[in-house]
Protein backbone atom coordinates (compact mmCIF):
# COMPACT_ATOMS: atom_id res chain seq x y z
CA MET A 1 59.62 149.47 126.76
CA ALA A 2 57.67 148.52 123.70
CA ILE A 3 59.00 149.13 120.18
CA SER A 4 56.59 150.48 118.17
CA ARG A 5 56.65 150.68 114.41
CA PHE A 6 54.86 153.40 112.69
CA CYS A 7 54.07 154.36 109.01
CA ALA A 8 52.79 156.82 106.86
CA ARG A 9 51.87 157.20 103.33
CA TYR A 10 52.05 160.53 100.89
CA VAL A 11 48.76 162.04 100.73
CA THR A 12 50.58 164.71 98.81
CA GLU A 13 54.02 165.29 96.89
CA ALA A 14 54.33 168.17 100.15
CA ARG A 15 52.66 166.19 102.88
CA ALA A 16 52.48 162.67 104.25
CA SER A 17 49.52 160.94 105.84
CA ASP A 18 49.30 160.60 109.93
CA GLU A 19 51.40 158.12 111.48
CA ILE A 20 49.58 154.85 111.84
CA ARG A 21 51.18 152.25 114.75
CA ILE A 22 52.25 148.81 112.78
CA THR A 23 53.22 147.17 115.92
CA SER A 24 53.95 147.85 119.39
CA ASP A 25 54.76 144.44 121.30
CA GLY A 26 57.19 144.31 123.85
CA GLY A 27 59.55 142.13 121.33
CA ALA A 28 62.27 143.61 118.75
CA ASP A 29 60.74 144.09 115.38
CA LEU A 30 63.61 144.46 112.44
CA ASN A 31 63.71 144.09 108.66
CA PRO A 32 60.59 145.93 107.69
CA VAL A 33 59.53 145.60 103.93
CA ALA A 34 56.62 147.15 102.45
CA ALA A 35 54.71 146.98 99.05
CA THR A 36 51.08 148.52 97.70
CA ASP A 37 48.90 146.44 96.17
CA SER A 38 46.78 147.38 93.07
CA ALA A 39 43.82 148.98 95.39
CA GLY A 40 46.65 150.97 97.02
CA ARG A 41 46.92 149.48 100.23
CA VAL A 42 50.28 149.08 102.15
CA TRP A 43 51.81 145.84 103.10
CA VAL A 44 54.42 145.51 105.64
CA ALA A 45 56.29 142.07 106.52
CA TRP A 46 59.47 142.40 109.40
CA GLN A 47 61.02 140.14 110.98
CA GLY A 48 59.86 140.11 115.12
CA PHE A 49 60.88 138.52 118.00
CA ARG A 50 57.88 136.56 119.54
CA LYS A 51 57.50 133.65 122.37
CA GLY A 52 61.51 133.55 122.56
CA ASN A 53 61.74 133.35 118.66
CA LEU A 54 62.05 135.35 115.59
CA GLU A 55 59.54 135.48 113.61
CA VAL A 56 58.49 136.65 109.65
CA LEU A 57 55.30 138.77 110.74
CA ALA A 58 52.71 141.35 108.63
CA ALA A 59 49.92 143.62 108.50
CA VAL A 60 48.05 145.42 106.14
CA GLU A 61 46.65 148.91 105.76
CA GLN A 62 43.11 149.35 106.55
CA GLY A 63 41.86 152.96 106.31
CA ASP A 64 43.57 154.54 108.77
CA ARG A 65 44.95 151.92 110.82
CA MET A 66 46.99 148.37 110.58
CA SER A 67 45.30 145.23 110.79
CA GLU A 68 46.66 142.95 113.73
CA GLU A 69 49.81 141.32 112.84
CA ALA A 70 49.78 137.57 111.35
CA VAL A 71 52.53 135.41 111.97
CA VAL A 72 53.89 133.98 108.34
CA SER A 73 56.55 132.29 109.29
CA PHE A 74 55.57 128.86 110.59
CA SER A 75 58.99 127.53 111.82
CA ALA A 76 59.73 126.54 115.65
CA THR A 77 63.09 127.63 114.82
CA SER A 78 64.08 131.51 113.81
CA ASP A 79 62.78 133.05 110.65
CA TRP A 80 64.40 136.46 108.85
CA ASP A 81 65.13 138.37 106.00
CA PRO A 82 61.19 138.86 104.72
CA ALA A 83 60.49 140.28 101.21
CA ILE A 84 57.32 141.28 99.89
CA ALA A 85 55.93 142.17 96.06
CA ALA A 86 52.74 142.84 94.90
CA ALA A 87 51.56 142.07 91.17
CA PRO A 88 49.50 144.47 89.36
CA ASN A 89 46.53 141.49 89.49
CA GLY A 90 46.34 142.58 93.35
CA GLU A 91 48.67 139.51 94.42
CA VAL A 92 51.18 140.35 97.10
CA ALA A 93 53.44 137.74 98.44
CA ILE A 94 56.22 137.44 101.28
CA SER A 95 59.69 135.43 101.50
CA TRP A 96 61.61 134.73 104.01
CA ASP A 97 64.91 132.72 105.18
CA THR A 98 64.31 129.79 107.51
CA TYR A 99 66.29 126.84 109.37
CA ASP A 100 63.36 124.68 109.92
CA LYS A 101 65.24 121.83 108.57
CA GLY A 102 68.06 122.35 109.73
CA ALA A 103 69.24 123.47 106.47
CA TYR A 104 69.01 127.43 105.48
CA ASP A 105 65.59 127.11 103.30
CA VAL A 106 63.47 129.78 101.64
CA TYR A 107 59.64 130.13 101.61
CA ALA A 108 56.87 132.47 100.25
CA ARG A 109 52.97 132.97 101.27
CA ARG A 110 50.72 134.80 99.33
CA ALA A 111 48.97 137.16 101.34
CA HIS A 112 45.20 138.90 100.98
CA LEU A 113 42.81 140.15 102.82
CA ASP A 114 40.18 138.75 104.62
CA GLY A 115 39.33 141.10 107.41
CA GLY A 116 43.20 140.99 108.07
CA THR A 117 46.28 139.73 106.84
CA ALA A 118 44.79 136.07 105.48
CA LEU A 119 47.90 133.68 104.06
CA ASP A 120 47.68 130.94 101.96
CA ASP A 121 49.88 127.51 102.84
CA PRO A 122 53.66 128.02 102.80
CA ILE A 123 55.27 127.05 99.55
CA PRO A 124 58.92 125.77 99.68
CA VAL A 125 60.82 127.75 97.04
CA ALA A 126 64.52 127.13 98.09
CA ALA A 127 64.06 123.70 100.24
CA SER A 128 66.86 121.00 100.12
CA LEU A 129 69.92 120.54 101.77
CA ASN A 130 72.17 122.95 99.80
CA PHE A 131 72.69 126.60 100.98
CA GLY A 132 69.23 128.45 99.88
CA ALA A 133 69.07 131.71 101.58
CA SER A 134 68.31 135.40 101.20
CA GLY A 135 65.28 135.14 98.38
CA SER A 136 64.36 138.01 96.52
CA ILE A 137 60.53 138.41 95.48
CA GLY A 138 59.03 140.41 92.76
CA ASN A 139 56.60 140.68 90.09
CA ALA A 140 57.90 139.81 86.10
CA SER A 141 54.46 139.76 84.92
CA ALA A 142 50.93 141.41 85.34
CA SER A 143 49.94 138.07 86.69
CA ALA A 144 51.98 137.00 89.20
CA VAL A 145 54.34 137.41 92.01
CA ASP A 146 57.78 135.20 91.44
CA CYS A 147 60.45 134.42 93.61
CA ILE A 148 63.99 134.49 92.83
């Protein structure tokens, strides 16, 4: 049985829009997080079980549907604990935890709309032999998204 995730946006204070399917993959989908960009589009990131591995995935609202899911994480090991934020300048960023190098690390990627969810190269936020996990992400200024 496929596990589906849906979202809806508020049209007015009294009513929500119709549901929009985010994913219907047969793997488990966990820990969804969402942010709205400066154009009013909803971006969703989540942890999903795909091809025998936990990945961090993302999709963006495109009118009355969501884009195809994009794989945000890059590791052959499991990735988890997504966080997402949008800055007033339109920038969207997603961070996550990984055990890619045999130590707990945090990475982030900027996301943008380019016919779907397009991702910049991963940025190591806390990547060392020291323990780094459970990153938070937010916008401290009008021009950037910050990881803490």
